[in-house]
PDB file of N, CA and C in Angstrom:
ATOM      1  N   MET A   1     -16.249 -14.501 -29.342  1.00  0.00           N
ATOM      2  CA  MET A   1     -17.413 -14.323 -30.185  1.00  0.00           C
ATOM      3  C   MET A   1     -17.924 -15.671 -30.674  1.00  0.00           C
ATOM      4  N   ASP A   2     -17.017 -16.625 -30.949  1.00  0.00           N
ATOM      5  CA  ASP A   2     -17.446 -17.933 -31.429  1.00  0.00           C
ATOM      6  C   ASP A   2     -18.286 -18.663 -30.401  1.00  0.00           C
ATOM      7  N   SER A   3     -17.943 -18.519 -29.123  1.00  0.00           N
ATOM      8  CA  SER A   3     -18.719 -19.203 -28.083  1.00  0.00           C
ATOM      9  C   SER A   3     -20.141 -18.635 -28.000  1.00  0.00           C
ATOM     10  N   ARG A   4     -20.274 -17.359 -28.245  1.00  0.00           N
ATOM     11  CA  ARG A   4     -21.605 -16.750 -28.244  1.00  0.00           C
ATOM     12  C   ARG A   4     -22.445 -17.276 -29.410  1.00  0.00           C
ATOM     13  N   ARG A   5     -21.837 -17.361 -30.573  1.00  0.00           N
ATOM     14  CA  ARG A   5     -22.505 -17.890 -31.754  1.00  0.00           C
ATOM     15  C   ARG A   5     -22.902 -19.361 -31.536  1.00  0.00           C
ATOM     16  N   GLU A   6     -22.007 -20.099 -30.928  1.00  0.00           N
ATOM     17  CA  GLU A   6     -22.250 -21.512 -30.637  1.00  0.00           C
ATOM     18  C   GLU A   6     -23.413 -21.663 -29.650  1.00  0.00           C
ATOM     19  N   ALA A   7     -23.443 -20.820 -28.636  1.00  0.00           N
ATOM     20  CA  ALA A   7     -24.534 -20.860 -27.653  1.00  0.00           C
ATOM     21  C   ALA A   7     -25.872 -20.519 -28.302  1.00  0.00           C
ATOM     22  N   LYS A   8     -25.868 -19.560 -29.184  1.00  0.00           N
ATOM     23  CA  LYS A   8     -27.078 -19.164 -29.895  1.00  0.00           C
ATOM     24  C   LYS A   8     -27.585 -20.307 -30.773  1.00  0.00           C
ATOM     25  N   ARG A   9     -26.677 -20.967 -31.465  1.00  0.00           N
ATOM     26  CA  ARG A   9     -27.045 -22.102 -32.313  1.00  0.00           C
ATOM     27  C   ARG A   9     -27.605 -23.245 -31.460  1.00  0.00           C
ATOM     28  N   ALA A  10     -26.955 -23.528 -30.338  1.00  0.00           N
ATOM     29  CA  ALA A  10     -27.425 -24.602 -29.456  1.00  0.00           C
ATOM     30  C   ALA A  10     -28.820 -24.291 -28.915  1.00  0.00           C
ATOM     31  N   TYR A  11     -29.072 -23.032 -28.581  1.00  0.00           N
ATOM     32  CA  TYR A  11     -30.390 -22.632 -28.085  1.00  0.00           C
ATOM     33  C   TYR A  11     -31.462 -22.860 -29.149  1.00  0.00           C
ATOM     34  N   LYS A  12     -31.153 -22.476 -30.387  1.00  0.00           N
ATOM     35  CA  LYS A  12     -32.117 -22.651 -31.477  1.00  0.00           C
ATOM     36  C   LYS A  12     -32.389 -24.123 -31.757  1.00  0.00           C
ATOM     37  N   GLU A  13     -31.377 -24.954 -31.581  1.00  0.00           N
ATOM     38  CA  GLU A  13     -31.545 -26.382 -31.811  1.00  0.00           C
ATOM     39  C   GLU A  13     -32.266 -27.082 -30.660  1.00  0.00           C
ATOM     40  N   ASN A  14     -32.191 -26.519 -29.474  1.00  0.00           N
ATOM     41  CA  ASN A  14     -32.823 -27.092 -28.280  1.00  0.00           C
ATOM     42  C   ASN A  14     -33.589 -26.016 -27.522  1.00  0.00           C
ATOM     43  N   PRO A  15     -34.702 -25.553 -28.072  1.00  0.00           N
ATOM     44  CA  PRO A  15     -35.454 -24.492 -27.384  1.00  0.00           C
ATOM     45  C   PRO A  15     -36.000 -24.999 -26.056  1.00  0.00           C
ATOM     46  N   PRO A  16     -36.279 -24.090 -25.117  1.00  0.00           N
ATOM     47  CA  PRO A  16     -36.863 -24.513 -23.845  1.00  0.00           C
ATOM     48  C   PRO A  16     -38.228 -25.145 -24.104  1.00  0.00           C
ATOM     49  N   PRO A  17     -38.648 -26.059 -23.242  1.00  0.00           N
ATOM     50  CA  PRO A  17     -39.926 -26.739 -23.481  1.00  0.00           C
ATOM     51  C   PRO A  17     -41.121 -25.802 -23.367  1.00  0.00           C
ATOM     52  N   ALA A  18     -42.035 -25.968 -24.306  1.00  0.00           N
ATOM     53  CA  ALA A  18     -43.319 -25.267 -24.266  1.00  0.00           C
ATOM     54  C   ALA A  18     -44.292 -26.193 -23.560  1.00  0.00           C
ATOM     55  N   GLY A  19     -45.298 -25.625 -22.908  1.00  0.00           N
ATOM     56  CA  GLY A  19     -46.254 -26.511 -22.260  1.00  0.00           C
ATOM     57  C   GLY A  19     -47.327 -25.803 -21.472  1.00  0.00           C
ATOM     58  N   VAL A  20     -48.105 -26.632 -20.799  1.00  0.00           N
ATOM     59  CA  VAL A  20     -49.216 -26.189 -19.966  1.00  0.00           C
ATOM     60  C   VAL A  20     -48.804 -26.412 -18.519  1.00  0.00           C
ATOM     61  N   TYR A  21     -49.080 -25.431 -17.680  1.00  0.00           N
ATOM     62  CA  TYR A  21     -48.704 -25.518 -16.273  1.00  0.00           C
ATOM     63  C   TYR A  21     -49.917 -25.315 -15.374  1.00  0.00           C
ATOM     64  N   GLN A  22     -49.723 -25.706 -14.121  1.00  0.00           N
ATOM     65  CA  GLN A  22     -50.760 -25.543 -13.101  1.00  0.00           C
ATOM     66  C   GLN A  22     -50.100 -24.990 -11.843  1.00  0.00           C
ATOM     67  N   ILE A  23     -50.757 -24.033 -11.222  1.00  0.00           N
ATOM     68  CA  ILE A  23     -50.363 -23.559  -9.898  1.00  0.00           C
ATOM     69  C   ILE A  23     -51.486 -24.011  -8.970  1.00  0.00           C
ATOM     70  N   ARG A  24     -51.140 -24.854  -7.991  1.00  0.00           N
ATOM     71  CA  ARG A  24     -52.158 -25.469  -7.140  1.00  0.00           C
ATOM     72  C   ARG A  24     -51.984 -25.017  -5.702  1.00  0.00           C
ATOM     73  N   ASN A  25     -53.086 -24.553  -5.117  1.00  0.00           N
ATOM     74  CA  ASN A  25     -53.124 -24.164  -3.721  1.00  0.00           C
ATOM     75  C   ASN A  25     -53.465 -25.414  -2.910  1.00  0.00           C
ATOM     76  N   LEU A  26     -52.553 -25.851  -2.062  1.00  0.00           N
ATOM     77  CA  LEU A  26     -52.746 -27.071  -1.283  1.00  0.00           C
ATOM     78  C   LEU A  26     -53.761 -26.896  -0.149  1.00  0.00           C
ATOM     79  N   ARG A  27     -54.043 -25.667   0.225  1.00  0.00           N
ATOM     80  CA  ARG A  27     -54.981 -25.419   1.336  1.00  0.00           C
ATOM     81  C   ARG A  27     -56.434 -25.463   0.890  1.00  0.00           C
ATOM     82  N   ASN A  28     -56.745 -24.835  -0.245  1.00  0.00           N
ATOM     83  CA  ASN A  28     -58.144 -24.799  -0.686  1.00  0.00           C
ATOM     84  C   ASN A  28     -58.367 -25.527  -2.011  1.00  0.00           C
ATOM     85  N   GLN A  29     -57.311 -26.128  -2.543  1.00  0.00           N
ATOM     86  CA  GLN A  29     -57.346 -26.924  -3.779  1.00  0.00           C
ATOM     87  C   GLN A  29     -57.683 -26.118  -5.041  1.00  0.00           C
ATOM     88  N   LYS A  30     -57.664 -24.798  -4.963  1.00  0.00           N
ATOM     89  CA  LYS A  30     -57.878 -23.989  -6.165  1.00  0.00           C
ATOM     90  C   LYS A  30     -56.655 -24.100  -7.064  1.00  0.00           C
ATOM     91  N   ILE A  31     -56.895 -23.998  -8.380  1.00  0.00           N
ATOM     92  CA  ILE A  31     -55.809 -24.102  -9.341  1.00  0.00           C
ATOM     93  C   ILE A  31     -55.873 -22.970 -10.348  1.00  0.00           C
ATOM     94  N   PHE A  32     -54.720 -22.682 -10.899  1.00  0.00           N
ATOM     95  CA  PHE A  32     -54.610 -21.761 -12.026  1.00  0.00           C
ATOM     96  C   PHE A  32     -53.915 -22.524 -13.135  1.00  0.00           C
ATOM     97  N   ILE A  33     -54.463 -22.452 -14.350  1.00  0.00           N
ATOM     98  CA  ILE A  33     -53.884 -23.145 -15.494  1.00  0.00           C
ATOM     99  C   ILE A  33     -53.495 -22.124 -16.554  1.00  0.00           C
ATOM    100  N   GLY A  34     -52.308 -22.285 -17.110  1.00  0.00           N
ATOM    101  CA  GLY A  34     -51.839 -21.423 -18.175  1.00  0.00           C
ATOM    102  C   GLY A  34     -50.889 -22.188 -19.081  1.00  0.00           C
ATOM    103  N   SER A  35     -50.383 -21.507 -20.087  1.00  0.00           N
ATOM    104  CA  SER A  35     -49.435 -22.129 -21.003  1.00  0.00           C
ATOM    105  C   SER A  35     -48.398 -21.098 -21.411  1.00  0.00           C
ATOM    106  N   ALA A  36     -47.263 -21.606 -21.888  1.00  0.00           N
ATOM    107  CA  ALA A  36     -46.187 -20.710 -22.325  1.00  0.00           C
ATOM    108  C   ALA A  36     -45.258 -21.445 -23.276  1.00  0.00           C
ATOM    109  N   LEU A  37     -44.661 -20.689 -24.171  1.00  0.00           N
ATOM    110  CA  LEU A  37     -43.675 -21.262 -25.083  1.00  0.00           C
ATOM    111  C   LEU A  37     -42.407 -21.670 -24.336  1.00  0.00           C
ATOM    112  N   ASN A  38     -42.139 -21.030 -23.207  1.00  0.00           N
ATOM    113  CA  ASN A  38     -41.052 -21.414 -22.299  1.00  0.00           C
ATOM    114  C   ASN A  38     -41.693 -21.630 -20.939  1.00  0.00           C
ATOM    115  N   VAL A  39     -42.198 -22.823 -20.700  1.00  0.00           N
ATOM    116  CA  VAL A  39     -43.022 -23.079 -19.521  1.00  0.00           C
ATOM    117  C   VAL A  39     -42.234 -22.932 -18.214  1.00  0.00           C
ATOM    118  N   ARG A  40     -41.006 -23.372 -18.178  1.00  0.00           N
ATOM    119  CA  ARG A  40     -40.216 -23.231 -16.939  1.00  0.00           C
ATOM    120  C   ARG A  40     -39.916 -21.760 -16.655  1.00  0.00           C
ATOM    121  N   GLY A  41     -39.598 -21.019 -17.703  1.00  0.00           N
ATOM    122  CA  GLY A  41     -39.350 -19.589 -17.543  1.00  0.00           C
ATOM    123  C   GLY A  41     -40.586 -18.851 -17.061  1.00  0.00           C
ATOM    124  N   LYS A  42     -41.744 -19.229 -17.589  1.00  0.00           N
ATOM    125  CA  LYS A  42     -43.002 -18.603 -17.179  1.00  0.00           C
ATOM    126  C   LYS A  42     -43.277 -18.868 -15.708  1.00  0.00           C
ATOM    127  N   LEU A  43     -43.103 -20.118 -15.268  1.00  0.00           N
ATOM    128  CA  LEU A  43     -43.337 -20.447 -13.861  1.00  0.00           C
ATOM    129  C   LEU A  43     -42.384 -19.685 -12.952  1.00  0.00           C
ATOM    130  N   ASN A  44     -41.135 -19.544 -13.360  1.00  0.00           N
ATOM    131  CA  ASN A  44     -40.182 -18.751 -12.578  1.00  0.00           C
ATOM    132  C   ASN A  44     -40.630 -17.297 -12.497  1.00  0.00           C
ATOM    133  N   GLY A  45     -41.125 -16.764 -13.610  1.00  0.00           N
ATOM    134  CA  GLY A  45     -41.605 -15.382 -13.635  1.00  0.00           C
ATOM    135  C   GLY A  45     -42.814 -15.175 -12.734  1.00  0.00           C
ATOM    136  N   ILE A  46     -43.738 -16.125 -12.732  1.00  0.00           N
ATOM    137  CA  ILE A  46     -44.922 -16.019 -11.875  1.00  0.00           C
ATOM    138  C   ILE A  46     -44.507 -16.087 -10.408  1.00  0.00           C
ATOM    139  N   LEU A  47     -43.616 -17.001 -10.078  1.00  0.00           N
ATOM    140  CA  LEU A  47     -43.127 -17.111  -8.698  1.00  0.00           C
ATOM    141  C   LEU A  47     -42.497 -15.794  -8.252  1.00  0.00           C
ATOM    142  N   PHE A  48     -41.656 -15.220  -9.088  1.00  0.00           N
ATOM    143  CA  PHE A  48     -41.013 -13.948  -8.785  1.00  0.00           C
ATOM    144  C   PHE A  48     -42.053 -12.854  -8.558  1.00  0.00           C
ATOM    145  N   THR A  49     -43.065 -12.819  -9.421  1.00  0.00           N
ATOM    146  CA  THR A  49     -44.121 -11.806  -9.322  1.00  0.00           C
ATOM    147  C   THR A  49     -44.916 -11.964  -8.031  1.00  0.00           C
ATOM    148  N   LEU A  50     -45.273 -13.188  -7.683  1.00  0.00           N
ATOM    149  CA  LEU A  50     -46.020 -13.427  -6.441  1.00  0.00           C
ATOM    150  C   LEU A  50     -45.190 -13.049  -5.214  1.00  0.00           C
ATOM    151  N   GLN A  51     -43.916 -13.367  -5.236  1.00  0.00           N
ATOM    152  CA  GLN A  51     -43.039 -13.032  -4.109  1.00  0.00           C
ATOM    153  C   GLN A  51     -42.879 -11.527  -3.937  1.00  0.00           C
ATOM    154  N   ARG A  52     -43.004 -10.793  -5.031  1.00  0.00           N
ATOM    155  CA  ARG A  52     -42.841  -9.329  -4.995  1.00  0.00           C
ATOM    156  C   ARG A  52     -44.182  -8.606  -4.842  1.00  0.00           C
ATOM    157  N   HIS A  53     -45.256  -9.372  -4.708  1.00  0.00           N
ATOM    158  CA  HIS A  53     -46.610  -8.818  -4.533  1.00  0.00           C
ATOM    159  C   HIS A  53     -46.975  -7.858  -5.652  1.00  0.00           C
ATOM    160  N   ALA A  54     -46.665  -8.239  -6.875  1.00  0.00           N
ATOM    161  CA  ALA A  54     -46.903  -7.382  -8.032  1.00  0.00           C
ATOM    162  C   ALA A  54     -48.321  -7.518  -8.585  1.00  0.00           C
ATOM    163  N   ARG A  55     -49.145  -8.337  -7.948  1.00  0.00           N
ATOM    164  CA  ARG A  55     -50.574  -8.453  -8.299  1.00  0.00           C
ATOM    165  C   ARG A  55     -50.803  -8.905  -9.736  1.00  0.00           C
ATOM    166  N   LEU A  56     -50.162  -9.987 -10.110  1.00  0.00           N
ATOM    167  CA  LEU A  56     -50.375 -10.594 -11.414  1.00  0.00           C
ATOM    168  C   LEU A  56     -51.835 -10.987 -11.575  1.00  0.00           C
ATOM    169  N   HIS A  57     -52.378 -11.612 -10.548  1.00  0.00           N
ATOM    170  CA  HIS A  57     -53.769 -12.051 -10.532  1.00  0.00           C
ATOM    171  C   HIS A  57     -54.270 -11.827  -9.104  1.00  0.00           C
ATOM    172  N   GLU A  58     -55.273 -10.994  -8.934  1.00  0.00           N
ATOM    173  CA  GLU A  58     -55.704 -10.561  -7.604  1.00  0.00           C
ATOM    174  C   GLU A  58     -56.045 -11.710  -6.654  1.00  0.00           C
ATOM    175  N   ALA A  59     -56.880 -12.645  -7.084  1.00  0.00           N
ATOM    176  CA  ALA A  59     -57.306 -13.732  -6.193  1.00  0.00           C
ATOM    177  C   ALA A  59     -56.141 -14.661  -5.848  1.00  0.00           C
ATOM    178  N   LEU A  60     -55.309 -14.955  -6.829  1.00  0.00           N
ATOM    179  CA  LEU A  60     -54.144 -15.803  -6.588  1.00  0.00           C
ATOM    180  C   LEU A  60     -53.182 -15.109  -5.626  1.00  0.00           C
ATOM    181  N   GLN A  61     -52.949 -13.827  -5.845  1.00  0.00           N
ATOM    182  CA  GLN A  61     -52.057 -13.074  -4.966  1.00  0.00           C
ATOM    183  C   GLN A  61     -52.618 -13.000  -3.548  1.00  0.00           C
ATOM    184  N   ALA A  62     -53.922 -12.806  -3.411  1.00  0.00           N
ATOM    185  CA  ALA A  62     -54.543 -12.736  -2.083  1.00  0.00           C
ATOM    186  C   ALA A  62     -54.344 -14.044  -1.320  1.00  0.00           C
ATOM    187  N   ASP A  63     -54.545 -15.176  -2.002  1.00  0.00           N
ATOM    188  CA  ASP A  63     -54.341 -16.464  -1.341  1.00  0.00           C
ATOM    189  C   ASP A  63     -52.861 -16.701  -1.040  1.00  0.00           C
ATOM    190  N   TRP A  64     -51.979 -16.272  -1.936  1.00  0.00           N
ATOM    191  CA  TRP A  64     -50.537 -16.382  -1.699  1.00  0.00           C
ATOM    192  C   TRP A  64     -50.167 -15.603  -0.432  1.00  0.00           C
ATOM    193  N   ASP A  65     -50.705 -14.386  -0.313  1.00  0.00           N
ATOM    194  CA  ASP A  65     -50.423 -13.557   0.853  1.00  0.00           C
ATOM    195  C   ASP A  65     -51.004 -14.174   2.126  1.00  0.00           C
ATOM    196  N   GLN A  66     -52.185 -14.778   2.017  1.00  0.00           N
ATOM    197  CA  GLN A  66     -52.849 -15.371   3.180  1.00  0.00           C
ATOM    198  C   GLN A  66     -52.194 -16.677   3.630  1.00  0.00           C
ATOM    199  N   PHE A  67     -51.921 -17.582   2.689  1.00  0.00           N
ATOM    200  CA  PHE A  67     -51.452 -18.922   3.033  1.00  0.00           C
ATOM    201  C   PHE A  67     -49.931 -19.086   2.981  1.00  0.00           C
ATOM    202  N   GLY A  68     -49.254 -18.221   2.244  1.00  0.00           N
ATOM    203  CA  GLY A  68     -47.807 -18.308   2.120  1.00  0.00           C
ATOM    204  C   GLY A  68     -47.360 -19.219   0.986  1.00  0.00           C
ATOM    205  N   SER A  69     -46.111 -19.090   0.617  1.00  0.00           N
ATOM    206  CA  SER A  69     -45.567 -19.825  -0.524  1.00  0.00           C
ATOM    207  C   SER A  69     -45.610 -21.335  -0.329  1.00  0.00           C
ATOM    208  N   GLU A  70     -45.494 -21.799   0.910  1.00  0.00           N
ATOM    209  CA  GLU A  70     -45.477 -23.242   1.161  1.00  0.00           C
ATOM    210  C   GLU A  70     -46.816 -23.910   0.849  1.00  0.00           C
ATOM    211  N   ALA A  71     -47.866 -23.133   0.644  1.00  0.00           N
ATOM    212  CA  ALA A  71     -49.190 -23.682   0.329  1.00  0.00           C
ATOM    213  C   ALA A  71     -49.390 -23.884  -1.172  1.00  0.00           C
ATOM    214  N   PHE A  72     -48.382 -23.566  -1.980  1.00  0.00           N
ATOM    215  CA  PHE A  72     -48.543 -23.632  -3.433  1.00  0.00           C
ATOM    216  C   PHE A  72     -47.540 -24.572  -4.082  1.00  0.00           C
ATOM    217  N   VAL A  73     -48.022 -25.264  -5.107  1.00  0.00           N
ATOM    218  CA  VAL A  73     -47.191 -26.160  -5.905  1.00  0.00           C
ATOM    219  C   VAL A  73     -47.274 -25.707  -7.356  1.00  0.00           C
ATOM    220  N   PHE A  74     -46.129 -25.604  -8.001  1.00  0.00           N
ATOM    221  CA  PHE A  74     -46.038 -25.239  -9.416  1.00  0.00           C
ATOM    222  C   PHE A  74     -45.725 -26.511 -10.192  1.00  0.00           C
ATOM    223  N   GLU A  75     -46.601 -26.866 -11.140  1.00  0.00           N
ATOM    224  CA  GLU A  75     -46.451 -28.129 -11.847  1.00  0.00           C
ATOM    225  C   GLU A  75     -46.594 -27.944 -13.352  1.00  0.00           C
ATOM    226  N   ILE A  76     -45.829 -28.704 -14.104  1.00  0.00           N
ATOM    227  CA  ILE A  76     -45.993 -28.755 -15.556  1.00  0.00           C
ATOM    228  C   ILE A  76     -46.915 -29.934 -15.847  1.00  0.00           C
ATOM    229  N   LEU A  77     -48.052 -29.650 -16.460  1.00  0.00           N
ATOM    230  CA  LEU A  77     -49.035 -30.690 -16.763  1.00  0.00           C
ATOM    231  C   LEU A  77     -48.731 -31.404 -18.070  1.00  0.00           C
ATOM    232  N   ASP A  78     -48.204 -30.679 -19.038  1.00  0.00           N
ATOM    233  CA  ASP A  78     -48.000 -31.234 -20.374  1.00  0.00           C
ATOM    234  C   ASP A  78     -46.935 -30.413 -21.086  1.00  0.00           C
ATOM    235  N   GLU A  79     -46.105 -31.073 -21.867  1.00  0.00           N
ATOM    236  CA  GLU A  79     -45.113 -30.379 -22.677  1.00  0.00           C
ATOM    237  C   GLU A  79     -45.347 -30.690 -24.143  1.00  0.00           C
ATOM    238  N   LEU A  80     -45.043 -29.720 -24.971  1.00  0.00           N
ATOM    239  CA  LEU A  80     -45.148 -29.886 -26.433  1.00  0.00           C
ATOM    240  C   LEU A  80     -43.767 -29.786 -27.042  1.00  0.00           C
ATOM    241  N   LYS A  81     -43.524 -30.597 -28.018  1.00  0.00           N
ATOM    242  CA  LYS A  81     -42.279 -30.522 -28.777  1.00  0.00           C
ATOM    243  C   LYS A  81     -42.613 -29.997 -30.172  1.00  0.00           C
ATOM    244  N   PRO A  82     -41.686 -29.295 -30.795  1.00  0.00           N
ATOM    245  CA  PRO A  82     -41.935 -28.817 -32.166  1.00  0.00           C
ATOM    246  C   PRO A  82     -42.200 -29.997 -33.109  1.00  0.00           C
ATOM    247  N   ALA A  83     -43.013 -29.746 -34.104  1.00  0.00           N
ATOM    248  CA  ALA A  83     -43.277 -30.752 -35.130  1.00  0.00           C
ATOM    249  C   ALA A  83     -41.976 -31.077 -35.856  1.00  0.00           C
ATOM    250  N   ALA A  84     -41.926 -32.230 -36.477  1.00  0.00           N
ATOM    251  CA  ALA A  84     -40.729 -32.641 -37.218  1.00  0.00           C
ATOM    252  C   ALA A  84     -40.336 -31.572 -38.229  1.00  0.00           C
ATOM    253  N   GLY A  85     -39.072 -31.206 -38.198  1.00  0.00           N
ATOM    254  CA  GLY A  85     -38.564 -30.205 -39.124  1.00  0.00           C
ATOM    255  C   GLY A  85     -38.762 -28.773 -38.664  1.00  0.00           C
ATOM    256  N   GLU A  86     -39.471 -28.565 -37.577  1.00  0.00           N
ATOM    257  CA  GLU A  86     -39.717 -27.220 -37.048  1.00  0.00           C
ATOM    258  C   GLU A  86     -38.786 -26.947 -35.871  1.00  0.00           C
ATOM    259  N   THR A  87     -38.529 -25.663 -35.615  1.00  0.00           N
ATOM    260  CA  THR A  87     -37.677 -25.294 -34.483  1.00  0.00           C
ATOM    261  C   THR A  87     -38.476 -24.752 -33.308  1.00  0.00           C
ATOM    262  N   ALA A  88     -39.774 -24.529 -33.505  1.00  0.00           N
ATOM    263  CA  ALA A  88     -40.607 -23.985 -32.432  1.00  0.00           C
ATOM    264  C   ALA A  88     -41.982 -24.646 -32.453  1.00  0.00           C
ATOM    265  N   VAL A  89     -42.636 -24.567 -31.327  1.00  0.00           N
ATOM    266  CA  VAL A  89     -43.991 -25.098 -31.176  1.00  0.00           C
ATOM    267  C   VAL A  89     -44.979 -24.120 -31.807  1.00  0.00           C
ATOM    268  N   ASP A  90     -46.000 -24.641 -32.431  1.00  0.00           N
ATOM    269  CA  ASP A  90     -47.080 -23.826 -32.995  1.00  0.00           C
ATOM    270  C   ASP A  90     -47.900 -23.234 -31.841  1.00  0.00           C
ATOM    271  N   PRO A  91     -47.956 -21.902 -31.706  1.00  0.00           N
ATOM    272  CA  PRO A  91     -48.708 -21.289 -30.609  1.00  0.00           C
ATOM    273  C   PRO A  91     -50.181 -21.694 -30.580  1.00  0.00           C
ATOM    274  N   ASP A  92     -50.783 -21.913 -31.737  1.00  0.00           N
ATOM    275  CA  ASP A  92     -52.185 -22.336 -31.772  1.00  0.00           C
ATOM    276  C   ASP A  92     -52.349 -23.737 -31.188  1.00  0.00           C
ATOM    277  N   GLU A  93     -51.384 -24.596 -31.437  1.00  0.00           N
ATOM    278  CA  GLU A  93     -51.414 -25.947 -30.878  1.00  0.00           C
ATOM    279  C   GLU A  93     -51.263 -25.894 -29.352  1.00  0.00           C
ATOM    280  N   LEU A  94     -50.404 -24.996 -28.881  1.00  0.00           N
ATOM    281  CA  LEU A  94     -50.210 -24.824 -27.440  1.00  0.00           C
ATOM    282  C   LEU A  94     -51.487 -24.303 -26.783  1.00  0.00           C
ATOM    283  N   LYS A  95     -52.136 -23.339 -27.417  1.00  0.00           N
ATOM    284  CA  LYS A  95     -53.381 -22.782 -26.877  1.00  0.00           C
ATOM    285  C   LYS A  95     -54.469 -23.856 -26.827  1.00  0.00           C
ATOM    286  N   ALA A  96     -54.539 -24.693 -27.852  1.00  0.00           N
ATOM    287  CA  ALA A  96     -55.522 -25.782 -27.876  1.00  0.00           C
ATOM    288  C   ALA A  96     -55.261 -26.772 -26.746  1.00  0.00           C
ATOM    289  N   LEU A  97     -53.998 -27.052 -26.470  1.00  0.00           N
ATOM    290  CA  LEU A  97     -53.655 -27.956 -25.368  1.00  0.00           C
ATOM    291  C   LEU A  97     -54.059 -27.346 -24.024  1.00  0.00           C
ATOM    292  N   GLU A  98     -53.834 -26.043 -23.876  1.00  0.00           N
ATOM    293  CA  GLU A  98     -54.246 -25.353 -22.647  1.00  0.00           C
ATOM    294  C   GLU A  98     -55.764 -25.438 -22.472  1.00  0.00           C
ATOM    295  N   GLU A  99     -56.498 -25.186 -23.532  1.00  0.00           N
ATOM    296  CA  GLU A  99     -57.960 -25.251 -23.461  1.00  0.00           C
ATOM    297  C   GLU A  99     -58.446 -26.654 -23.107  1.00  0.00           C
ATOM    298  N   MET A 100     -57.756 -27.673 -23.611  1.00  0.00           N
ATOM    299  CA  MET A 100     -58.107 -29.046 -23.273  1.00  0.00           C
ATOM    300  C   MET A 100     -57.959 -29.288 -21.769  1.00  0.00           C
ATOM    301  N   TRP A 101     -56.864 -28.798 -21.196  1.00  0.00           N
ATOM    302  CA  TRP A 101     -56.651 -28.958 -19.756  1.00  0.00           C
ATOM    303  C   TRP A 101     -57.668 -28.158 -18.944  1.00  0.00           C
ATOM    304  N   LYS A 102     -58.004 -26.962 -19.408  1.00  0.00           N
ATOM    305  CA  LYS A 102     -59.023 -26.169 -18.705  1.00  0.00           C
ATOM    306  C   LYS A 102     -60.370 -26.874 -18.744  1.00  0.00           C
ATOM    307  N   GLU A 103     -60.698 -27.462 -19.878  1.00  0.00           N
ATOM    308  CA  GLU A 103     -61.957 -28.209 -19.999  1.00  0.00           C
ATOM    309  C   GLU A 103     -61.962 -29.396 -19.040  1.00  0.00           C
ATOM    310  N   LYS A 104     -60.851 -30.059 -18.943  1.00  0.00           N
ATOM    311  CA  LYS A 104     -60.741 -31.246 -18.080  1.00  0.00           C
ATOM    312  C   LYS A 104     -60.789 -30.884 -16.591  1.00  0.00           C
ATOM    313  N   LEU A 105     -60.070 -29.835 -16.182  1.00  0.00           N
ATOM    314  CA  LEU A 105     -59.924 -29.513 -14.764  1.00  0.00           C
ATOM    315  C   LEU A 105     -60.865 -28.422 -14.258  1.00  0.00           C
ATOM    316  N   GLN A 106     -61.474 -27.665 -15.167  1.00  0.00           N
ATOM    317  CA  GLN A 106     -62.442 -26.625 -14.807  1.00  0.00           C
ATOM    318  C   GLN A 106     -61.930 -25.700 -13.685  1.00  0.00           C
ATOM    319  N   PRO A 107     -60.862 -24.938 -13.945  1.00  0.00           N
ATOM    320  CA  PRO A 107     -60.273 -24.090 -12.914  1.00  0.00           C
ATOM    321  C   PRO A 107     -60.983 -22.737 -12.742  1.00  0.00           C
ATOM    322  N   TYR A 108     -62.287 -22.775 -12.578  1.00  0.00           N
ATOM    323  CA  TYR A 108     -63.098 -21.550 -12.519  1.00  0.00           C
ATOM    324  C   TYR A 108     -63.879 -21.477 -11.210  1.00  0.00           C
ATOM    325  N   GLY A 109     -64.246 -20.269 -10.839  1.00  0.00           N
ATOM    326  CA  GLY A 109     -65.090 -20.067  -9.660  1.00  0.00           C
ATOM    327  C   GLY A 109     -64.449 -20.612  -8.405  1.00  0.00           C
ATOM    328  N   GLU A 110     -65.184 -21.437  -7.687  1.00  0.00           N
ATOM    329  CA  GLU A 110     -64.700 -22.006  -6.431  1.00  0.00           C
ATOM    330  C   GLU A 110     -63.582 -23.025  -6.636  1.00  0.00           C
ATOM    331  N   ARG A 111     -63.400 -23.490  -7.858  1.00  0.00           N
ATOM    332  CA  ARG A 111     -62.384 -24.514  -8.147  1.00  0.00           C
ATOM    333  C   ARG A 111     -61.058 -23.937  -8.602  1.00  0.00           C
ATOM    334  N   GLY A 112     -61.058 -22.648  -8.952  1.00  0.00           N
ATOM    335  CA  GLY A 112     -59.798 -22.130  -9.465  1.00  0.00           C
ATOM    336  C   GLY A 112     -59.727 -20.638  -9.607  1.00  0.00           C
ATOM    337  N   TYR A 113     -58.608 -20.209 -10.162  1.00  0.00           N
ATOM    338  CA  TYR A 113     -58.305 -18.787 -10.318  1.00  0.00           C
ATOM    339  C   TYR A 113     -58.515 -18.280 -11.731  1.00  0.00           C
ATOM    340  N   ASN A 114     -58.729 -19.173 -12.684  1.00  0.00           N
ATOM    341  CA  ASN A 114     -58.945 -18.732 -14.066  1.00  0.00           C
ATOM    342  C   ASN A 114     -60.316 -18.111 -14.218  1.00  0.00           C
ATOM    343  N   GLU A 115     -60.421 -17.234 -15.192  1.00  0.00           N
ATOM    344  CA  GLU A 115     -61.713 -16.632 -15.545  1.00  0.00           C
ATOM    345  C   GLU A 115     -62.117 -17.153 -16.895  1.00  0.00           C
ATOM    346  N   ARG A 116     -63.410 -17.287 -17.094  1.00  0.00           N
ATOM    347  CA  ARG A 116     -63.889 -17.792 -18.383  1.00  0.00           C
ATOM    348  C   ARG A 116     -63.753 -16.720 -19.448  1.00  0.00           C
TER     349      ARG A 116
END
């Protein structure tokens, strides 16, 4: 039981990184931008969903099915750390960072999979 408590404490002291990610299609250069409080976990979940054809996002899934997994790159664009004295990232700050990246990269229409 002590090891479980210790693991829980260590997790709280070192939460997984929050951040903004990009899924990039190397064939047509379209991108999808998103954010998550656990960015690595989110990317793993999206990969799993695409591999299982669960239709997370219709256009992204269609291109995944057409071009195959080797045509896609999963990248972390930016990571956020909790403010001093905090144990978690402010979700509003994370959303603002995501919006900044969307403004910069414009992942809409012919350039990407995001919707306005």
